[in-house]
């Protein structure tokens, strides 16, 4: 009779432990699902202009300055239109114009 009582208390303890483990697992999963995903790489802008900062690594400081002086803080299609207009009106130096044209063909 003592062995039977011992087995019941072991089963009850095991069930309580299992219930506690499941509850902790559910809470941990809920907490994990609520935290935002952390990205290791910065988000890249969609179609950006050839002279924008994300694509201007090989343009050089002088060419970047020319683009900034002509187009200011334009972005996206506005920046593309400004650069195209500046190239059509020969407002960039020959070196910068070559680099911008190379970036434009590489982006296509």
PDB file of N, CA and C in Angstrom:
ATOM      1  N   UNK A   1       0.818  -1.179   0.000  1.00  0.00           N
ATOM      2  CA  UNK A   1       0.000   0.000   0.000  1.00  0.00           C
ATOM      3  C   UNK A   1       0.875   1.261   0.000  1.00  0.00           C
ATOM      4  N   UNK A   2       1.974   1.213   0.713  1.00  0.00           N
ATOM      5  CA  UNK A   2       2.899   2.337   0.747  1.00  0.00           C
ATOM      6  C   UNK A   2       3.529   2.569  -0.626  1.00  0.00           C
ATOM      7  N   UNK A   3       3.829   1.502  -1.337  1.00  0.00           N
ATOM      8  CA  UNK A   3       4.415   1.611  -2.668  1.00  0.00           C
ATOM      9  C   UNK A   3       3.425   2.235  -3.646  1.00  0.00           C
ATOM     10  N   UNK A   4       2.155   1.869  -3.470  1.00  0.00           N
ATOM     11  CA  UNK A   4       1.135   2.421  -4.361  1.00  0.00           C
ATOM     12  C   UNK A   4       0.993   3.923  -4.129  1.00  0.00           C
ATOM     13  N   UNK A   5       1.011   4.382  -2.912  1.00  0.00           N
ATOM     14  CA  UNK A   5       0.930   5.808  -2.588  1.00  0.00           C
ATOM     15  C   UNK A   5       2.146   6.564  -3.091  1.00  0.00           C
ATOM     16  N   UNK A   6       3.304   5.916  -3.018  1.00  0.00           N
ATOM     17  CA  UNK A   6       4.530   6.529  -3.508  1.00  0.00           C
ATOM     18  C   UNK A   6       4.469   6.706  -5.019  1.00  0.00           C
ATOM     19  N   UNK A   7       3.944   5.708  -5.740  1.00  0.00           N
ATOM     20  CA  UNK A   7       3.819   5.791  -7.191  1.00  0.00           C
ATOM     21  C   UNK A   7       2.851   6.895  -7.610  1.00  0.00           C
ATOM     22  N   UNK A   8       1.767   7.067  -6.859  1.00  0.00           N
ATOM     23  CA  UNK A   8       0.820   8.134  -7.183  1.00  0.00           C
ATOM     24  C   UNK A   8       1.455   9.502  -6.982  1.00  0.00           C
ATOM     25  N   UNK A   9       2.214   9.665  -5.906  1.00  0.00           N
ATOM     26  CA  UNK A   9       2.835  10.969  -5.680  1.00  0.00           C
ATOM     27  C   UNK A   9       3.909  11.251  -6.725  1.00  0.00           C
ATOM     28  N   UNK A  10       4.611  10.225  -7.211  1.00  0.00           N
ATOM     29  CA  UNK A  10       5.603  10.407  -8.271  1.00  0.00           C
ATOM     30  C   UNK A  10       4.910  10.804  -9.564  1.00  0.00           C
ATOM     31  N   UNK A  11       3.780  10.142  -9.868  1.00  0.00           N
ATOM     32  CA  UNK A  11       3.035  10.479 -11.082  1.00  0.00           C
ATOM     33  C   UNK A  11       2.487  11.903 -11.002  1.00  0.00           C
ATOM     34  N   UNK A  12       1.963  12.274  -9.835  1.00  0.00           N
ATOM     35  CA  UNK A  12       1.438  13.628  -9.656  1.00  0.00           C
ATOM     36  C   UNK A  12       2.548  14.654  -9.804  1.00  0.00           C
ATOM     37  N   UNK A  13       3.689  14.383  -9.215  1.00  0.00           N
ATOM     38  CA  UNK A  13       4.819  15.312  -9.326  1.00  0.00           C
ATOM     39  C   UNK A  13       5.282  15.436 -10.773  1.00  0.00           C
ATOM     40  N   UNK A  14       5.310  14.300 -11.467  1.00  0.00           N
ATOM     41  CA  UNK A  14       5.728  14.319 -12.862  1.00  0.00           C
ATOM     42  C   UNK A  14       4.733  15.121 -13.699  1.00  0.00           C
ATOM     43  N   UNK A  15       3.450  14.971 -13.439  1.00  0.00           N
ATOM     44  CA  UNK A  15       2.434  15.716 -14.185  1.00  0.00           C
ATOM     45  C   UNK A  15       2.518  17.206 -13.892  1.00  0.00           C
ATOM     46  N   UNK A  16       2.774  17.552 -12.634  1.00  0.00           N
ATOM     47  CA  UNK A  16       2.920  18.965 -12.282  1.00  0.00           C
ATOM     48  C   UNK A  16       4.155  19.554 -12.961  1.00  0.00           C
ATOM     49  N   UNK A  17       5.232  18.802 -12.963  1.00  0.00           N
ATOM     50  CA  UNK A  17       6.462  19.263 -13.591  1.00  0.00           C
ATOM     51  C   UNK A  17       6.262  19.421 -15.097  1.00  0.00           C
ATOM     52  N   UNK A  18       5.582  18.478 -15.715  1.00  0.00           N
ATOM     53  CA  UNK A  18       5.298  18.555 -17.139  1.00  0.00           C
ATOM     54  C   UNK A  18       4.413  19.757 -17.460  1.00  0.00           C
ATOM     55  N   UNK A  19       3.393  19.992 -16.650  1.00  0.00           N
ATOM     56  CA  UNK A  19       2.511  21.150 -16.855  1.00  0.00           C
ATOM     57  C   UNK A  19       3.277  22.451 -16.715  1.00  0.00           C
ATOM     58  N   UNK A  20       4.157  22.505 -15.722  1.00  0.00           N
ATOM     59  CA  UNK A  20       4.971  23.700 -15.514  1.00  0.00           C
ATOM     60  C   UNK A  20       5.912  23.927 -16.696  1.00  0.00           C
ATOM     61  N   UNK A  21       6.519  22.858 -17.192  1.00  0.00           N
ATOM     62  CA  UNK A  21       7.427  22.970 -18.341  1.00  0.00           C
ATOM     63  C   UNK A  21       6.680  23.451 -19.582  1.00  0.00           C
ATOM     64  N   UNK A  22       5.494  22.932 -19.810  1.00  0.00           N
ATOM     65  CA  UNK A  22       4.699  23.374 -20.954  1.00  0.00           C
ATOM     66  C   UNK A  22       4.312  24.843 -20.837  1.00  0.00           C
ATOM     67  N   UNK A  23       3.921  25.262 -19.644  1.00  0.00           N
ATOM     68  CA  UNK A  23       3.535  26.659 -19.425  1.00  0.00           C
ATOM     69  C   UNK A  23       4.730  27.579 -19.670  1.00  0.00           C
ATOM     70  N   UNK A  24       5.901  27.191 -19.190  1.00  0.00           N
ATOM     71  CA  UNK A  24       7.101  28.014 -19.403  1.00  0.00           C
ATOM     72  C   UNK A  24       7.446  28.064 -20.891  1.00  0.00           C
ATOM     73  N   UNK A  25       7.310  26.924 -21.572  1.00  0.00           N
ATOM     74  CA  UNK A  25       7.571  26.883 -23.009  1.00  0.00           C
ATOM     75  C   UNK A  25       6.639  27.785 -23.794  1.00  0.00           C
ATOM     76  N   UNK A  26       5.370  27.791 -23.416  1.00  0.00           N
ATOM     77  CA  UNK A  26       4.401  28.665 -24.088  1.00  0.00           C
ATOM     78  C   UNK A  26       4.725  30.131 -23.855  1.00  0.00           C
ATOM     79  N   UNK A  27       5.057  30.481 -22.624  1.00  0.00           N
ATOM     80  CA  UNK A  27       5.396  31.866 -22.317  1.00  0.00           C
ATOM     81  C   UNK A  27       6.666  32.296 -23.047  1.00  0.00           C
ATOM     82  N   UNK A  28       7.650  31.424 -23.102  1.00  0.00           N
ATOM     83  CA  UNK A  28       8.900  31.757 -23.804  1.00  0.00           C
ATOM     84  C   UNK A  28       8.636  31.939 -25.297  1.00  0.00           C
ATOM     85  N   UNK A  29       7.812  31.080 -25.881  1.00  0.00           N
ATOM     86  CA  UNK A  29       7.475  31.216 -27.291  1.00  0.00           C
ATOM     87  C   UNK A  29       6.709  32.493 -27.578  1.00  0.00           C
ATOM     88  N   UNK A  30       5.799  32.843 -26.687  1.00  0.00           N
ATOM     89  CA  UNK A  30       5.033  34.081 -26.854  1.00  0.00           C
ATOM     90  C   UNK A  30       5.964  35.296 -26.767  1.00  0.00           C
ATOM     91  N   UNK A  31       6.868  35.285 -25.800  1.00  0.00           N
ATOM     92  CA  UNK A  31       7.802  36.403 -25.646  1.00  0.00           C
ATOM     93  C   UNK A  31       8.722  36.510 -26.856  1.00  0.00           C
ATOM     94  N   UNK A  32       9.168  35.372 -27.370  1.00  0.00           N
ATOM     95  CA  UNK A  32      10.035  35.381 -28.547  1.00  0.00           C
ATOM     96  C   UNK A  32       9.293  35.899 -29.774  1.00  0.00           C
ATOM     97  N   UNK A  33       8.040  35.565 -29.907  1.00  0.00           N
ATOM     98  CA  UNK A  33       7.254  36.002 -31.055  1.00  0.00           C
ATOM     99  C   UNK A  33       6.957  37.496 -30.997  1.00  0.00           C
ATOM    100  N   UNK A  34       6.978  38.082 -29.812  1.00  0.00           N
ATOM    101  CA  UNK A  34       6.660  39.500 -29.671  1.00  0.00           C
ATOM    102  C   UNK A  34       7.860  40.408 -29.920  1.00  0.00           C
ATOM    103  N   UNK A  35       9.076  39.894 -29.860  1.00  0.00           N
ATOM    104  CA  UNK A  35      10.241  40.740 -30.094  1.00  0.00           C
ATOM    105  C   UNK A  35      10.443  40.911 -31.589  1.00  0.00           C
ATOM    106  N   UNK A  36      10.755  42.133 -32.052  1.00  0.00           N
ATOM    107  CA  UNK A  36      10.938  42.361 -33.479  1.00  0.00           C
ATOM    108  C   UNK A  36      12.204  41.672 -33.979  1.00  0.00           C
ATOM    109  N   UNK A  37      12.174  41.265 -35.222  1.00  0.00           N
ATOM    110  CA  UNK A  37      13.342  40.619 -35.832  1.00  0.00           C
ATOM    111  C   UNK A  37      14.462  41.638 -35.975  1.00  0.00           C
ATOM    112  N   UNK A  38      15.682  41.207 -35.693  1.00  0.00           N
ATOM    113  CA  UNK A  38      16.825  42.095 -35.806  1.00  0.00           C
ATOM    114  C   UNK A  38      17.582  41.762 -37.076  1.00  0.00           C
ATOM    115  N   UNK A  39      17.742  42.756 -37.918  1.00  0.00           N
ATOM    116  CA  UNK A  39      18.425  42.570 -39.181  1.00  0.00           C
ATOM    117  C   UNK A  39      19.908  42.876 -38.998  1.00  0.00           C
ATOM    118  N   UNK A  40      20.766  42.040 -39.567  1.00  0.00           N
ATOM    119  CA  UNK A  40      22.200  42.282 -39.458  1.00  0.00           C
ATOM    120  C   UNK A  40      22.700  43.156 -40.589  1.00  0.00           C
ATOM    121  N   UNK A  41      21.941  43.283 -41.663  1.00  0.00           N
ATOM    122  CA  UNK A  41      22.343  44.134 -42.767  1.00  0.00           C
ATOM    123  C   UNK A  41      21.390  45.309 -42.853  1.00  0.00           C
ATOM    124  N   UNK A  42      21.874  46.487 -43.154  1.00  0.00           N
ATOM    125  CA  UNK A  42      20.988  47.643 -43.273  1.00  0.00           C
ATOM    126  C   UNK A  42      20.105  47.505 -44.494  1.00  0.00           C
ATOM    127  N   UNK A  43      18.936  48.048 -44.406  1.00  0.00           N
ATOM    128  CA  UNK A  43      17.980  47.971 -45.512  1.00  0.00           C
ATOM    129  C   UNK A  43      18.493  48.785 -46.691  1.00  0.00           C
ATOM    130  N   UNK A  44      18.416  48.240 -47.863  1.00  0.00           N
ATOM    131  CA  UNK A  44      18.844  48.928 -49.074  1.00  0.00           C
ATOM    132  C   UNK A  44      17.636  49.624 -49.684  1.00  0.00           C
ATOM    133  N   UNK A  45      17.789  50.871 -50.111  1.00  0.00           N
ATOM    134  CA  UNK A  45      16.666  51.535 -50.760  1.00  0.00           C
ATOM    135  C   UNK A  45      16.354  50.850 -52.082  1.00  0.00           C
ATOM    136  N   UNK A  46      15.090  50.904 -52.488  1.00  0.00           N
ATOM    137  CA  UNK A  46      14.680  50.269 -53.736  1.00  0.00           C
ATOM    138  C   UNK A  46      15.417  50.933 -54.891  1.00  0.00           C
ATOM    139  N   UNK A  47      14.905  51.213 -55.975  1.00  0.00           N
ATOM    140  CA  UNK A  47      15.635  51.776 -57.108  1.00  0.00           C
ATOM    141  C   UNK A  47      16.093  53.197 -56.793  1.00  0.00           C
ATOM    142  N   UNK A  48      17.350  53.350 -56.453  1.00  0.00           N
ATOM    143  CA  UNK A  48      17.861  54.684 -56.152  1.00  0.00           C
ATOM    144  C   UNK A  48      18.742  55.170 -57.287  1.00  0.00           C
ATOM    145  N   UNK A  49      19.015  56.432 -57.272  1.00  0.00           N
ATOM    146  CA  UNK A  49      19.761  57.059 -58.348  1.00  0.00           C
ATOM    147  C   UNK A  49      21.212  56.617 -58.350  1.00  0.00           C
ATOM    148  N   UNK A  50      21.875  56.707 -59.492  1.00  0.00           N
ATOM    149  CA  UNK A  50      23.270  56.309 -59.559  1.00  0.00           C
ATOM    150  C   UNK A  50      24.168  57.133 -58.658  1.00  0.00           C
ATOM    151  N   UNK A  51      23.811  58.345 -58.347  1.00  0.00           N
ATOM    152  CA  UNK A  51      24.680  59.183 -57.539  1.00  0.00           C
ATOM    153  C   UNK A  51      24.282  59.205 -56.068  1.00  0.00           C
ATOM    154  N   UNK A  52      23.335  58.365 -55.658  1.00  0.00           N
ATOM    155  CA  UNK A  52      22.966  58.346 -54.251  1.00  0.00           C
ATOM    156  C   UNK A  52      24.068  57.697 -53.445  1.00  0.00           C
ATOM    157  N   UNK A  53      24.062  57.899 -52.136  1.00  0.00           N
ATOM    158  CA  UNK A  53      25.163  57.457 -51.298  1.00  0.00           C
ATOM    159  C   UNK A  53      25.356  55.956 -51.308  1.00  0.00           C
ATOM    160  N   UNK A  54      24.311  55.170 -51.493  1.00  0.00           N
ATOM    161  CA  UNK A  54      24.463  53.714 -51.474  1.00  0.00           C
ATOM    162  C   UNK A  54      25.123  53.190 -52.746  1.00  0.00           C
ATOM    163  N   UNK A  55      25.116  53.954 -53.827  1.00  0.00           N
ATOM    164  CA  UNK A  55      25.688  53.492 -55.079  1.00  0.00           C
ATOM    165  C   UNK A  55      26.885  54.339 -55.525  1.00  0.00           C
ATOM    166  N   UNK A  56      27.355  55.240 -54.698  1.00  0.00           N
ATOM    167  CA  UNK A  56      28.378  56.173 -55.151  1.00  0.00           C
ATOM    168  C   UNK A  56      29.749  55.863 -54.588  1.00  0.00           C
ATOM    169  N   UNK A  57      30.010  54.613 -54.221  1.00  0.00           N
ATOM    170  CA  UNK A  57      31.287  54.251 -53.640  1.00  0.00           C
ATOM    171  C   UNK A  57      32.451  54.565 -54.576  1.00  0.00           C
ATOM    172  N   UNK A  58      32.290  54.333 -55.874  1.00  0.00           N
ATOM    173  CA  UNK A  58      33.395  54.529 -56.803  1.00  0.00           C
ATOM    174  C   UNK A  58      33.355  55.891 -57.497  1.00  0.00           C
ATOM    175  N   UNK A  59      32.429  56.748 -57.145  1.00  0.00           N
ATOM    176  CA  UNK A  59      32.335  58.045 -57.811  1.00  0.00           C
ATOM    177  C   UNK A  59      33.439  59.007 -57.370  1.00  0.00           C
ATOM    178  N   UNK A  60      33.865  58.940 -56.160  1.00  0.00           N
ATOM    179  CA  UNK A  60      34.880  59.861 -55.667  1.00  0.00           C
ATOM    180  C   UNK A  60      34.245  61.095 -55.061  1.00  0.00           C
ATOM    181  N   UNK A  61      34.986  61.733 -54.173  1.00  0.00           N
ATOM    182  CA  UNK A  61      34.456  62.891 -53.448  1.00  0.00           C
ATOM    183  C   UNK A  61      34.162  64.071 -54.358  1.00  0.00           C
ATOM    184  N   UNK A  62      35.020  64.310 -55.340  1.00  0.00           N
ATOM    185  CA  UNK A  62      34.828  65.463 -56.222  1.00  0.00           C
ATOM    186  C   UNK A  62      33.531  65.325 -57.028  1.00  0.00           C
ATOM    187  N   UNK A  63      33.291  64.123 -57.528  1.00  0.00           N
ATOM    188  CA  UNK A  63      32.076  63.902 -58.323  1.00  0.00           C
ATOM    189  C   UNK A  63      30.834  63.966 -57.425  1.00  0.00           C
ATOM    190  N   UNK A  64      30.935  63.411 -56.236  1.00  0.00           N
ATOM    191  CA  UNK A  64      29.808  63.494 -55.299  1.00  0.00           C
ATOM    192  C   UNK A  64      29.477  64.948 -54.994  1.00  0.00           C
ATOM    193  N   UNK A  65      30.517  65.751 -54.816  1.00  0.00           N
ATOM    194  CA  UNK A  65      30.310  67.173 -54.523  1.00  0.00           C
ATOM    195  C   UNK A  65      29.631  67.866 -55.712  1.00  0.00           C
ATOM    196  N   UNK A  66      30.051  67.540 -56.921  1.00  0.00           N
ATOM    197  CA  UNK A  66      29.418  68.135 -58.105  1.00  0.00           C
ATOM    198  C   UNK A  66      27.921  67.795 -58.155  1.00  0.00           C
ATOM    199  N   UNK A  67      27.607  66.542 -57.906  1.00  0.00           N
ATOM    200  CA  UNK A  67      26.209  66.110 -57.928  1.00  0.00           C
ATOM    201  C   UNK A  67      25.424  66.826 -56.835  1.00  0.00           C
ATOM    202  N   UNK A  68      26.012  66.897 -55.642  1.00  0.00           N
ATOM    203  CA  UNK A  68      25.321  67.556 -54.527  1.00  0.00           C
ATOM    204  C   UNK A  68      25.121  69.043 -54.822  1.00  0.00           C
ATOM    205  N   UNK A  69      26.145  69.695 -55.379  1.00  0.00           N
ATOM    206  CA  UNK A  69      26.032  71.121 -55.695  1.00  0.00           C
ATOM    207  C   UNK A  69      24.955  71.383 -56.735  1.00  0.00           C
ATOM    208  N   UNK A  70      24.818  70.472 -57.699  1.00  0.00           N
ATOM    209  CA  UNK A  70      23.827  70.673 -58.758  1.00  0.00           C
ATOM    210  C   UNK A  70      22.420  70.249 -58.325  1.00  0.00           C
ATOM    211  N   UNK A  71      22.326  69.094 -57.653  1.00  0.00           N
ATOM    212  CA  UNK A  71      21.008  68.504 -57.373  1.00  0.00           C
ATOM    213  C   UNK A  71      20.542  68.670 -55.931  1.00  0.00           C
ATOM    214  N   UNK A  72      21.417  69.101 -55.052  1.00  0.00           N
ATOM    215  CA  UNK A  72      21.023  69.283 -53.660  1.00  0.00           C
ATOM    216  C   UNK A  72      20.700  67.958 -53.009  1.00  0.00           C
ATOM    217  N   UNK A  73      19.596  67.895 -52.307  1.00  0.00           N
ATOM    218  CA  UNK A  73      19.208  66.683 -51.570  1.00  0.00           C
ATOM    219  C   UNK A  73      18.097  65.900 -52.271  1.00  0.00           C
ATOM    220  N   UNK A  74      18.086  65.941 -53.579  1.00  0.00           N
ATOM    221  CA  UNK A  74      17.088  65.201 -54.347  1.00  0.00           C
ATOM    222  C   UNK A  74      17.296  63.701 -54.144  1.00  0.00           C
ATOM    223  N   UNK A  75      16.222  62.940 -54.260  1.00  0.00           N
ATOM    224  CA  UNK A  75      16.274  61.488 -54.100  1.00  0.00           C
ATOM    225  C   UNK A  75      15.461  60.807 -55.181  1.00  0.00           C
ATOM    226  N   UNK A  76      15.770  59.552 -55.427  1.00  0.00           N
ATOM    227  CA  UNK A  76      14.978  58.728 -56.322  1.00  0.00           C
ATOM    228  C   UNK A  76      14.908  59.266 -57.733  1.00  0.00           C
ATOM    229  N   UNK A  77      13.703  59.284 -58.275  1.00  0.00           N
ATOM    230  CA  UNK A  77      13.507  59.705 -59.658  1.00  0.00           C
ATOM    231  C   UNK A  77      13.919  61.158 -59.854  1.00  0.00           C
ATOM    232  N   UNK A  78      13.702  61.983 -58.841  1.00  0.00           N
ATOM    233  CA  UNK A  78      14.099  63.396 -58.933  1.00  0.00           C
ATOM    234  C   UNK A  78      15.612  63.513 -59.108  1.00  0.00           C
ATOM    235  N   UNK A  79      16.387  62.687 -58.394  1.00  0.00           N
ATOM    236  CA  UNK A  79      17.842  62.701 -58.515  1.00  0.00           C
ATOM    237  C   UNK A  79      18.261  62.207 -59.900  1.00  0.00           C
ATOM    238  N   UNK A  80      17.621  61.141 -60.384  1.00  0.00           N
ATOM    239  CA  UNK A  80      17.943  60.632 -61.719  1.00  0.00           C
ATOM    240  C   UNK A  80      17.693  61.694 -62.775  1.00  0.00           C
ATOM    241  N   UNK A  81      16.552  62.383 -62.676  1.00  0.00           N
ATOM    242  CA  UNK A  81      16.220  63.421 -63.641  1.00  0.00           C
ATOM    243  C   UNK A  81      17.206  64.577 -63.574  1.00  0.00           C
ATOM    244  N   UNK A  82      17.621  64.952 -62.371  1.00  0.00           N
ATOM    245  CA  UNK A  82      18.577  66.044 -62.194  1.00  0.00           C
ATOM    246  C   UNK A  82      19.924  65.689 -62.810  1.00  0.00           C
ATOM    247  N   UNK A  83      20.398  64.481 -62.564  1.00  0.00           N
ATOM    248  CA  UNK A  83      21.691  64.053 -63.120  1.00  0.00           C
ATOM    249  C   UNK A  83      21.618  63.982 -64.643  1.00  0.00           C
ATOM    250  N   UNK A  84      20.522  63.439 -65.174  1.00  0.00           N
ATOM    251  CA  UNK A  84      20.360  63.353 -66.631  1.00  0.00           C
ATOM    252  C   UNK A  84      20.345  64.748 -67.249  1.00  0.00           C
ATOM    253  N   UNK A  85      19.629  65.655 -66.617  1.00  0.00           N
ATOM    254  CA  UNK A  85      19.574  67.026 -67.112  1.00  0.00           C
ATOM    255  C   UNK A  85      20.956  67.684 -67.052  1.00  0.00           C
ATOM    256  N   UNK A  86      21.662  67.461 -65.954  1.00  0.00           N
ATOM    257  CA  UNK A  86      23.009  68.027 -65.818  1.00  0.00           C
ATOM    258  C   UNK A  86      23.972  67.460 -66.833  1.00  0.00           C
ATOM    259  N   UNK A  87      23.836  66.172 -67.148  1.00  0.00           N
ATOM    260  CA  UNK A  87      24.707  65.571 -68.162  1.00  0.00           C
ATOM    261  C   UNK A  87      24.377  66.101 -69.545  1.00  0.00           C
ATOM    262  N   UNK A  88      23.080  66.294 -69.822  1.00  0.00           N
ATOM    263  CA  UNK A  88      22.669  66.825 -71.127  1.00  0.00           C
ATOM    264  C   UNK A  88      23.163  68.260 -71.322  1.00  0.00           C
ATOM    265  N   UNK A  89      23.252  69.025 -70.258  1.00  0.00           N
ATOM    266  CA  UNK A  89      23.663  70.431 -70.341  1.00  0.00           C
ATOM    267  C   UNK A  89      25.142  70.618 -70.002  1.00  0.00           C
ATOM    268  N   UNK A  90      25.898  69.514 -69.956  1.00  0.00           N
ATOM    269  CA  UNK A  90      27.344  69.547 -69.692  1.00  0.00           C
ATOM    270  C   UNK A  90      27.700  70.322 -68.423  1.00  0.00           C
ATOM    271  N   UNK A  91      26.984  70.064 -67.357  1.00  0.00           N
ATOM    272  CA  UNK A  91      27.244  70.748 -66.094  1.00  0.00           C
ATOM    273  C   UNK A  91      28.202  69.970 -65.203  1.00  0.00           C
ATOM    274  N   UNK A  92      28.598  68.749 -65.603  1.00  0.00           N
ATOM    275  CA  UNK A  92      29.545  67.955 -64.839  1.00  0.00           C
ATOM    276  C   UNK A  92      30.892  67.950 -65.546  1.00  0.00           C
ATOM    277  N   UNK A  93      31.949  67.754 -64.771  1.00  0.00           N
ATOM    278  CA  UNK A  93      33.281  67.633 -65.364  1.00  0.00           C
ATOM    279  C   UNK A  93      33.316  66.365 -66.212  1.00  0.00           C
ATOM    280  N   UNK A  94      34.285  66.270 -67.108  1.00  0.00           N
ATOM    281  CA  UNK A  94      34.382  65.112 -67.996  1.00  0.00           C
ATOM    282  C   UNK A  94      34.572  63.826 -67.193  1.00  0.00           C
ATOM    283  N   UNK A  95      35.422  63.895 -66.154  1.00  0.00           N
ATOM    284  CA  UNK A  95      35.678  62.720 -65.329  1.00  0.00           C
ATOM    285  C   UNK A  95      34.406  62.273 -64.603  1.00  0.00           C
ATOM    286  N   UNK A  96      33.701  63.222 -64.037  1.00  0.00           N
ATOM    287  CA  UNK A  96      32.471  62.903 -63.307  1.00  0.00           C
ATOM    288  C   UNK A  96      31.399  62.391 -64.265  1.00  0.00           C
ATOM    289  N   UNK A  97      31.310  62.993 -65.430  1.00  0.00           N
ATOM    290  CA  UNK A  97      30.321  62.566 -66.419  1.00  0.00           C
ATOM    291  C   UNK A  97      30.584  61.116 -66.834  1.00  0.00           C
ATOM    292  N   UNK A  98      31.864  60.757 -66.999  1.00  0.00           N
ATOM    293  CA  UNK A  98      32.227  59.377 -67.352  1.00  0.00           C
ATOM    294  C   UNK A  98      31.833  58.416 -66.241  1.00  0.00           C
ATOM    295  N   UNK A  99      32.126  58.798 -64.998  1.00  0.00           N
ATOM    296  CA  UNK A  99      31.794  57.934 -63.859  1.00  0.00           C
ATOM    297  C   UNK A  99      30.286  57.776 -63.699  1.00  0.00           C
ATOM    298  N   UNK A 100      29.550  58.855 -63.874  1.00  0.00           N
ATOM    299  CA  UNK A 100      28.091  58.779 -63.757  1.00  0.00           C
ATOM    300  C   UNK A 100      27.487  57.913 -64.862  1.00  0.00           C
ATOM    301  N   UNK A 101      28.033  58.036 -66.077  1.00  0.00           N
ATOM    302  CA  UNK A 101      27.538  57.217 -67.180  1.00  0.00           C
ATOM    303  C   UNK A 101      27.832  55.739 -66.928  1.00  0.00           C
ATOM    304  N   UNK A 102      29.014  55.443 -66.367  1.00  0.00           N
ATOM    305  CA  UNK A 102      29.361  54.066 -66.043  1.00  0.00           C
ATOM    306  C   UNK A 102      28.434  53.518 -64.977  1.00  0.00           C
ATOM    307  N   UNK A 103      28.109  54.333 -63.973  1.00  0.00           N
ATOM    308  CA  UNK A 103      27.192  53.897 -62.908  1.00  0.00           C
ATOM    309  C   UNK A 103      25.805  53.658 -63.483  1.00  0.00           C
ATOM    310  N   UNK A 104      25.379  54.501 -64.406  1.00  0.00           N
ATOM    311  CA  UNK A 104      24.043  54.358 -64.991  1.00  0.00           C
ATOM    312  C   UNK A 104      23.937  53.070 -65.794  1.00  0.00           C
ATOM    313  N   UNK A 105      24.972  52.730 -66.560  1.00  0.00           N
ATOM    314  CA  UNK A 105      24.917  51.498 -67.350  1.00  0.00           C
ATOM    315  C   UNK A 105      25.070  50.273 -66.462  1.00  0.00           C
ATOM    316  N   UNK A 106      25.822  50.387 -65.358  1.00  0.00           N
ATOM    317  CA  UNK A 106      25.976  49.262 -64.424  1.00  0.00           C
ATOM    318  C   UNK A 106      24.678  49.009 -63.676  1.00  0.00           C
ATOM    319  N   UNK A 107      23.873  50.044 -63.445  1.00  0.00           N
ATOM    320  CA  UNK A 107      22.626  49.901 -62.704  1.00  0.00           C
ATOM    321  C   UNK A 107      21.500  49.291 -63.518  1.00  0.00           C
ATOM    322  N   UNK A 108      21.666  49.221 -64.845  1.00  0.00           N
ATOM    323  CA  UNK A 108      20.586  48.694 -65.704  1.00  0.00           C
ATOM    324  C   UNK A 108      20.622  47.200 -65.789  1.00  0.00           C
TER     325      UNK A 108
END
